[in-house]
N, C-alpha and C. Protein backbone atom coordinates (compact mmCIF):
# COMPACT_ATOMS: atom_id res chain seq x y z
N MET A 1 -3.54 19.81 9.04
CA MET A 1 -4.48 19.19 9.95
C MET A 1 -4.47 17.68 9.68
N PHE A 2 -4.49 16.91 10.74
CA PHE A 2 -4.47 15.46 10.63
C PHE A 2 -5.84 14.89 10.92
N PHE A 3 -6.19 13.88 10.18
CA PHE A 3 -7.46 13.19 10.40
C PHE A 3 -7.16 11.76 10.81
N ARG A 4 -7.81 11.34 11.85
CA ARG A 4 -7.61 9.98 12.35
C ARG A 4 -8.51 9.03 11.57
N LYS A 5 -7.90 8.01 11.00
CA LYS A 5 -8.65 7.02 10.24
C LYS A 5 -9.42 6.13 11.22
N LYS A 6 -10.70 5.95 10.96
CA LYS A 6 -11.51 5.10 11.83
C LYS A 6 -11.11 3.65 11.58
N LEU A 7 -10.72 2.99 12.66
CA LEU A 7 -10.26 1.62 12.56
C LEU A 7 -11.42 0.65 12.71
N GLU A 8 -11.34 -0.45 11.99
CA GLU A 8 -12.39 -1.46 12.05
C GLU A 8 -12.12 -2.43 13.19
N ALA A 9 -13.15 -3.14 13.60
CA ALA A 9 -13.05 -4.10 14.70
C ALA A 9 -12.04 -5.19 14.37
N ARG A 10 -11.31 -5.62 15.38
CA ARG A 10 -10.30 -6.67 15.24
C ARG A 10 -10.62 -7.79 16.21
N THR A 11 -9.92 -8.89 16.06
CA THR A 11 -10.13 -10.03 16.95
C THR A 11 -8.81 -10.44 17.57
N TYR A 12 -8.90 -11.22 18.65
CA TYR A 12 -7.73 -11.80 19.29
C TYR A 12 -8.10 -13.18 19.78
N ASP A 13 -7.13 -13.99 20.12
CA ASP A 13 -7.34 -15.36 20.57
C ASP A 13 -7.78 -15.35 22.03
N LYS A 14 -9.07 -15.43 22.26
CA LYS A 14 -9.63 -15.32 23.61
C LYS A 14 -9.29 -16.50 24.50
N GLU A 15 -8.98 -17.64 23.92
CA GLU A 15 -8.63 -18.81 24.71
C GLU A 15 -7.20 -18.76 25.23
N ASN A 16 -6.30 -18.14 24.48
CA ASN A 16 -4.89 -18.15 24.83
C ASN A 16 -4.32 -16.78 25.21
N GLN A 17 -5.09 -15.70 25.04
CA GLN A 17 -4.60 -14.36 25.34
C GLN A 17 -5.58 -13.63 26.24
N MET A 18 -5.03 -12.71 27.05
CA MET A 18 -5.89 -11.87 27.87
C MET A 18 -5.47 -10.41 27.68
N PRO A 19 -6.44 -9.48 27.64
CA PRO A 19 -6.11 -8.07 27.47
C PRO A 19 -5.46 -7.50 28.72
N VAL A 20 -4.39 -6.71 28.53
CA VAL A 20 -3.61 -6.17 29.64
C VAL A 20 -3.17 -4.75 29.31
N ILE A 21 -3.14 -3.89 30.33
CA ILE A 21 -2.52 -2.58 30.22
C ILE A 21 -1.19 -2.69 30.96
N ARG A 22 -0.10 -2.45 30.27
CA ARG A 22 1.23 -2.46 30.91
C ARG A 22 1.58 -1.01 31.22
N SER A 23 1.81 -0.72 32.51
CA SER A 23 2.08 0.63 32.97
C SER A 23 3.45 0.71 33.61
N SER A 24 4.22 1.73 33.26
CA SER A 24 5.54 1.94 33.84
C SER A 24 5.39 2.66 35.18
N ILE A 25 6.05 2.17 36.20
CA ILE A 25 6.01 2.81 37.50
C ILE A 25 6.76 4.14 37.46
N CYS A 26 7.86 4.20 36.74
CA CYS A 26 8.70 5.40 36.71
C CYS A 26 8.10 6.54 35.88
N THR A 27 7.69 6.23 34.65
CA THR A 27 7.25 7.29 33.73
C THR A 27 5.74 7.40 33.63
N GLY A 28 5.02 6.38 34.02
CA GLY A 28 3.57 6.40 33.90
C GLY A 28 3.07 6.06 32.52
N GLU A 29 3.97 5.72 31.60
CA GLU A 29 3.58 5.36 30.23
C GLU A 29 2.74 4.09 30.27
N LYS A 30 1.66 4.08 29.49
CA LYS A 30 0.78 2.92 29.44
C LYS A 30 0.68 2.39 28.02
N VAL A 31 0.72 1.07 27.90
CA VAL A 31 0.62 0.41 26.61
C VAL A 31 -0.44 -0.68 26.72
N ALA A 32 -1.36 -0.71 25.79
CA ALA A 32 -2.39 -1.75 25.76
C ALA A 32 -1.93 -2.88 24.85
N GLY A 33 -2.27 -4.08 25.25
CA GLY A 33 -1.90 -5.24 24.44
C GLY A 33 -2.47 -6.51 25.01
N PHE A 34 -1.88 -7.63 24.61
CA PHE A 34 -2.37 -8.93 25.03
C PHE A 34 -1.22 -9.76 25.58
N ARG A 35 -1.49 -10.48 26.68
CA ARG A 35 -0.50 -11.37 27.30
C ARG A 35 -0.93 -12.79 27.04
N ASP A 36 0.01 -13.58 26.55
CA ASP A 36 -0.26 -15.00 26.32
C ASP A 36 -0.38 -15.69 27.68
N ILE A 37 -1.45 -16.42 27.89
CA ILE A 37 -1.72 -17.04 29.18
C ILE A 37 -0.68 -18.10 29.52
N ARG A 38 -0.23 -18.86 28.52
CA ARG A 38 0.71 -19.95 28.78
C ARG A 38 2.16 -19.49 28.90
N THR A 39 2.60 -18.61 28.01
CA THR A 39 4.01 -18.22 28.00
C THR A 39 4.28 -16.92 28.75
N GLY A 40 3.27 -16.08 28.91
CA GLY A 40 3.46 -14.78 29.57
C GLY A 40 3.99 -13.71 28.64
N LYS A 41 4.16 -14.01 27.36
CA LYS A 41 4.67 -13.05 26.39
C LYS A 41 3.65 -11.95 26.16
N PHE A 42 4.11 -10.68 26.19
CA PHE A 42 3.25 -9.53 25.99
C PHE A 42 3.39 -9.03 24.55
N THR A 43 2.26 -8.78 23.89
CA THR A 43 2.24 -8.24 22.54
C THR A 43 1.60 -6.87 22.58
N GLU A 44 2.39 -5.82 22.25
CA GLU A 44 1.89 -4.45 22.27
C GLU A 44 0.94 -4.21 21.11
N VAL A 45 -0.12 -3.44 21.39
CA VAL A 45 -1.06 -3.08 20.34
C VAL A 45 -1.07 -1.57 20.13
N MET A 46 -1.22 -0.81 21.23
CA MET A 46 -1.26 0.64 21.07
C MET A 46 -0.87 1.35 22.35
N LEU A 47 -0.36 2.58 22.20
CA LEU A 47 0.01 3.43 23.31
C LEU A 47 -1.25 4.09 23.85
N ILE A 48 -1.38 4.14 25.17
CA ILE A 48 -2.54 4.76 25.80
C ILE A 48 -2.11 6.10 26.39
N ARG A 49 -2.56 7.19 25.80
CA ARG A 49 -2.22 8.53 26.30
C ARG A 49 -3.39 9.16 27.04
N THR A 50 -4.61 8.86 26.59
CA THR A 50 -5.81 9.44 27.20
C THR A 50 -6.84 8.34 27.44
N SER A 51 -7.88 8.70 28.16
CA SER A 51 -8.96 7.73 28.38
C SER A 51 -9.67 7.40 27.06
N GLY A 52 -9.62 8.32 26.11
CA GLY A 52 -10.19 8.07 24.79
C GLY A 52 -9.44 6.97 24.05
N ASP A 53 -8.12 6.91 24.23
CA ASP A 53 -7.32 5.84 23.61
C ASP A 53 -7.71 4.48 24.19
N LEU A 54 -7.92 4.44 25.50
CA LEU A 54 -8.34 3.19 26.14
C LEU A 54 -9.72 2.77 25.64
N ALA A 55 -10.62 3.73 25.50
CA ALA A 55 -11.96 3.43 24.98
C ALA A 55 -11.88 2.92 23.55
N GLU A 56 -10.99 3.48 22.75
CA GLU A 56 -10.81 3.05 21.36
C GLU A 56 -10.27 1.61 21.31
N PHE A 57 -9.31 1.29 22.18
CA PHE A 57 -8.78 -0.07 22.26
C PHE A 57 -9.89 -1.06 22.62
N CYS A 58 -10.71 -0.69 23.60
CA CYS A 58 -11.82 -1.56 24.01
C CYS A 58 -12.83 -1.74 22.89
N ARG A 59 -13.12 -0.66 22.16
CA ARG A 59 -14.07 -0.73 21.06
C ARG A 59 -13.55 -1.60 19.92
N LEU A 60 -12.25 -1.47 19.61
CA LEU A 60 -11.66 -2.24 18.51
C LEU A 60 -11.74 -3.74 18.76
N TYR A 61 -11.53 -4.16 19.99
CA TYR A 61 -11.46 -5.58 20.30
C TYR A 61 -12.70 -6.10 21.02
N GLY A 62 -13.71 -5.26 21.24
CA GLY A 62 -14.94 -5.71 21.89
C GLY A 62 -14.72 -6.13 23.33
N ILE A 63 -13.92 -5.36 24.05
CA ILE A 63 -13.57 -5.67 25.44
C ILE A 63 -14.21 -4.64 26.36
N GLY A 64 -14.71 -5.08 27.49
CA GLY A 64 -15.17 -4.14 28.50
C GLY A 64 -13.99 -3.66 29.33
N GLU A 65 -14.02 -2.39 29.77
CA GLU A 65 -12.88 -1.83 30.52
C GLU A 65 -12.64 -2.60 31.81
N SER A 66 -13.69 -3.23 32.35
CA SER A 66 -13.52 -3.99 33.60
C SER A 66 -12.78 -5.32 33.36
N GLU A 67 -12.68 -5.76 32.11
CA GLU A 67 -12.01 -7.03 31.78
C GLU A 67 -10.50 -6.89 31.67
N ILE A 68 -10.00 -5.65 31.62
CA ILE A 68 -8.58 -5.42 31.40
C ILE A 68 -7.86 -5.30 32.73
N SER A 69 -6.79 -6.08 32.91
CA SER A 69 -5.97 -5.95 34.11
C SER A 69 -4.77 -5.06 33.82
N THR A 70 -4.17 -4.51 34.88
CA THR A 70 -3.01 -3.64 34.73
C THR A 70 -1.78 -4.32 35.33
N GLN A 71 -0.69 -4.33 34.58
CA GLN A 71 0.59 -4.87 35.05
C GLN A 71 1.54 -3.71 35.25
N TYR A 72 2.35 -3.79 36.31
CA TYR A 72 3.35 -2.75 36.57
C TYR A 72 4.74 -3.32 36.43
C-alpha cells in the first residue's frame, strides 16, 4: 500500500510567471506548471490526472482554479 506524502505550500514568482495547464489535443494529457510571461518558457510542475490533482496543485501554490489558463 502506498501513502501519499502531504506536500507543504510552495511559492512562485508572481511578477514573472503565470499558472497554466498545458493540455494535449491528441491524448488529453494535462500538465500543470508555470509560463514565463516574458520568454514564454513553460516549466512543468505536476501531471494532472484527476480533479483532485488540480485541487492539490492549487492548494500547494495558493492559486484559485479560476486564475489558471489552459494552453493547447
